[in-house]
Amino acid sequence: MNMNRLSKTLSAALNLQMTKEAHASQIYLSYGAWAENQGFSGVANFLFRHSHEERNHMMKILEYILKRGAEVVVTTIPAPPENPTGINNCFEKVFEHEVDNTKAIYKLVKMSFDEGDWATWNFMQWFVKEQIEEETLALNLLDKVKIAGSKKESSDALYLLDKDLDKMPDDARSAQDVTVDNP
């Protein structure tokens, strides 16, 4: 008896997204190691925590595929891109990566909608909201770097930014969660 409740196309797309999340984890891990080597332990700590979060996203998709009775296909993860050239470049790369991941999530949402797979469409809504948070967080980090002097960051400003990132929460509030009482 066939227990699979995912189409071949959705199963393949979910497996691909699972690999993208694993790749994202490796990117954050790589950038974290770079930051640590540059002496930015706060930035590194933030990026290491984010690497772990991306791995959790991968596991969430893996579990969903299994619970829908489909086959999980674990494939090779591409190598992370080259190391950043500075803190500003690091967070520019983070933002670009998150925008690319958002596009991939949207494709899955559309595919599940077009196929009428409402379980998968509903499952993917969590990722839609998560990507709003991820992009907002990356933009907030770029804003902080801009305040620190962007590409001409001063040592004092980078020191304070590094200290802030060590304690900074790993998520950002979505616009949809804002109220008049709690902006």
Protein backbone atom coordinates (compact mmCIF):
# COMPACT_ATOMS: atom_id res chain seq x y z
CA MET A 1 0.00 0.00 0.00
CA ASN A 2 1.38 3.41 -1.00
CA MET A 3 1.39 5.78 2.00
CA ASN A 4 2.93 8.74 0.13
CA ARG A 5 0.71 11.83 0.12
CA LEU A 6 3.12 14.11 -1.74
CA SER A 7 3.32 14.43 -5.51
CA LYS A 8 6.65 13.61 -7.10
CA THR A 9 7.19 17.29 -7.93
CA LEU A 10 6.42 18.51 -4.41
CA SER A 11 8.49 15.74 -2.87
CA ALA A 12 11.46 16.68 -5.05
CA ALA A 13 10.99 20.40 -4.32
CA LEU A 14 10.78 19.81 -0.56
CA ASN A 15 13.92 17.68 -0.67
CA LEU A 16 15.66 20.46 -2.59
CA GLN A 17 14.55 23.01 0.01
CA MET A 18 15.79 20.73 2.77
CA THR A 19 19.21 20.81 1.09
CA LYS A 20 19.01 24.62 0.74
CA GLU A 21 18.40 24.88 4.49
CA ALA A 22 21.40 22.61 5.18
CA HIS A 23 23.46 24.79 2.85
CA ALA A 24 22.26 27.90 4.69
CA SER A 25 23.44 26.34 7.94
CA GLN A 26 26.88 25.77 6.41
CA ILE A 27 27.01 29.36 5.12
CA TYR A 28 26.29 30.79 8.57
CA LEU A 29 28.77 28.37 10.10
CA SER A 30 31.44 29.42 7.60
CA TYR A 31 30.78 33.14 8.12
CA GLY A 32 30.81 32.59 11.88
CA ALA A 33 34.22 30.95 11.69
CA TRP A 34 35.44 33.84 9.52
CA ALA A 35 34.12 36.39 12.04
CA GLU A 36 35.78 34.58 14.93
CA ASN A 37 39.09 34.58 13.04
CA GLN A 38 38.70 38.33 12.53
CA GLY A 39 38.25 38.82 16.28
CA PHE A 40 34.49 39.43 16.20
CA SER A 41 33.34 36.86 18.75
CA GLY A 42 29.93 38.53 19.17
CA VAL A 43 29.25 38.43 15.42
CA ALA A 44 30.54 34.85 15.35
CA ASN A 45 28.27 33.82 18.22
CA PHE A 46 25.29 35.36 16.43
CA LEU A 47 26.15 33.57 13.17
CA PHE A 48 26.78 30.22 14.92
CA ARG A 49 23.36 30.46 16.59
CA HIS A 50 21.81 31.24 13.23
CA SER A 51 23.56 28.23 11.69
CA HIS A 52 21.84 26.07 14.27
CA GLU A 53 18.48 27.68 13.47
CA GLU A 54 18.91 26.92 9.76
CA ARG A 55 19.67 23.29 10.59
CA ASN A 56 16.42 23.22 12.57
CA HIS A 57 14.60 24.45 9.45
CA MET A 58 16.17 21.57 7.53
CA MET A 59 14.97 19.09 10.15
CA LYS A 60 11.46 20.57 10.10
CA ILE A 61 11.23 19.89 6.36
CA LEU A 62 12.77 16.42 6.72
CA GLU A 63 10.18 15.49 9.35
CA TYR A 64 7.34 16.82 7.20
CA ILE A 65 8.44 14.77 4.18
CA LEU A 66 8.57 11.65 6.34
CA LYS A 67 5.18 12.33 7.95
CA ARG A 68 3.62 12.68 4.50
CA GLY A 69 4.95 9.22 3.62
CA ALA A 70 7.45 10.40 1.02
CA GLU A 71 11.11 9.58 0.71
CA VAL A 72 13.78 11.89 2.11
CA VAL A 73 16.73 12.24 -0.24
CA VAL A 74 19.88 13.56 1.42
CA THR A 75 22.25 15.04 -1.14
CA THR A 76 25.59 16.77 -1.18
CA ILE A 77 25.62 20.30 0.20
CA PRO A 78 27.47 22.85 -1.92
CA ALA A 79 30.47 24.55 -0.37
CA PRO A 80 29.77 27.92 1.22
CA PRO A 81 30.66 30.98 -0.86
CA GLU A 82 33.91 32.85 -0.33
CA ASN A 83 34.48 34.49 3.02
CA PRO A 84 33.21 38.03 3.43
CA THR A 85 35.63 40.91 2.94
CA GLY A 86 34.36 42.78 6.00
CA ILE A 87 31.45 43.03 8.41
CA ASN A 88 29.33 45.06 5.97
CA ASN A 89 29.97 42.55 3.19
CA CYS A 90 29.14 39.71 5.59
CA PHE A 91 25.67 41.04 6.28
CA GLU A 92 25.11 42.01 2.64
CA LYS A 93 25.80 38.36 1.76
CA VAL A 94 23.46 37.21 4.54
CA PHE A 95 20.69 39.44 3.20
CA GLU A 96 21.19 38.26 -0.40
CA HIS A 97 21.13 34.65 0.75
CA GLU A 98 17.89 35.18 2.69
CA VAL A 99 16.21 36.87 -0.30
CA ASP A 100 17.21 33.90 -2.47
CA ASN A 101 15.80 31.51 0.11
CA THR A 102 12.55 33.49 0.25
CA LYS A 103 12.15 33.06 -3.50
CA ALA A 104 12.60 29.30 -3.13
CA ILE A 105 10.00 29.19 -0.34
CA TYR A 106 7.54 31.15 -2.49
CA LYS A 107 7.99 28.64 -5.33
CA LEU A 108 7.08 25.83 -2.95
CA VAL A 109 4.02 27.73 -1.71
CA LYS A 110 2.86 28.35 -5.28
CA MET A 111 3.51 24.76 -6.29
CA SER A 112 1.50 23.42 -3.34
CA PHE A 113 -1.31 25.90 -4.11
CA ASP A 114 -1.36 24.95 -7.80
CA GLU A 115 -1.51 21.25 -6.90
CA GLY A 116 -4.19 21.81 -4.27
CA ASP A 117 -1.96 20.21 -1.61
CA TRP A 118 -3.39 22.21 1.27
CA ALA A 119 -1.41 20.35 3.93
CA THR A 120 1.86 21.38 2.30
CA TRP A 121 0.56 24.88 1.58
CA ASN A 122 -0.33 25.24 5.27
CA PHE A 123 3.02 23.80 6.38
CA MET A 124 4.89 26.28 4.19
CA GLN A 125 3.14 29.28 5.76
CA TRP A 126 5.43 28.93 8.77
CA PHE A 127 8.41 29.33 6.43
CA VAL A 128 6.84 32.37 4.74
CA LYS A 129 6.57 34.08 8.12
CA GLU A 130 10.07 32.92 9.07
CA GLN A 131 11.52 34.46 5.91
CA ILE A 132 9.91 37.79 6.73
CA GLU A 133 11.74 37.63 10.06
CA GLU A 134 15.01 36.52 8.43
CA GLU A 135 15.01 39.34 5.88
CA THR A 136 14.04 41.91 8.53
CA LEU A 137 16.83 40.71 10.79
CA ALA A 138 19.38 40.95 7.96
CA LEU A 139 18.19 44.48 7.08
CA ASN A 140 18.40 45.50 10.74
CA LEU A 141 21.98 44.22 10.86
CA LEU A 142 22.86 46.18 7.73
CA ASP A 143 21.34 49.28 9.35
CA LYS A 144 23.53 48.77 12.41
CA VAL A 145 26.62 48.42 10.24
CA LYS A 146 25.62 51.57 8.33
CA ILE A 147 25.40 53.46 11.63
CA ALA A 148 28.83 52.06 12.51
CA GLY A 149 30.21 53.60 9.32
CA SER A 150 29.36 51.00 6.65
CA LYS A 151 32.43 50.11 4.61
CA LYS A 152 34.60 52.52 6.63
CA GLU A 153 33.69 51.06 10.01
CA SER A 154 35.55 52.55 12.95
CA SER A 155 37.15 50.24 15.46
CA ASP A 156 35.06 51.67 18.31
CA ALA A 157 31.80 51.28 16.39
CA LEU A 158 32.65 47.71 15.36
CA TYR A 159 33.58 46.85 18.92
CA LEU A 160 30.18 48.05 20.16
CA LEU A 161 28.37 46.30 17.30
CA ASP A 162 30.21 43.08 18.12
CA LYS A 163 29.18 43.34 21.78
CA ASP A 164 25.56 44.06 20.79
CA LEU A 165 25.36 41.09 18.43
CA ASP A 166 26.59 38.74 21.11
CA LYS A 167 23.37 39.40 23.05
CA MET A 168 21.03 40.30 20.18
CA PRO A 169 17.91 38.11 19.80
CA ASP A 170 17.98 35.72 16.87
CA ASP A 171 14.66 36.85 15.47
CA ALA A 172 12.90 40.03 14.47
CA ARG A 173 9.26 40.92 14.97
CA SER A 174 7.18 40.69 11.84
CA ALA A 175 5.15 43.67 10.73
CA GLN A 176 2.03 41.51 11.00
CA ASP A 177 2.66 41.12 14.74
CA VAL A 178 2.79 44.85 15.43
CA THR A 179 -0.12 46.55 17.17
CA VAL A 180 -0.90 50.11 18.19
CA ASP A 181 -0.17 49.15 21.79
CA ASN A 182 2.99 47.26 20.91
CA PRO A 183 4.66 48.86 17.85
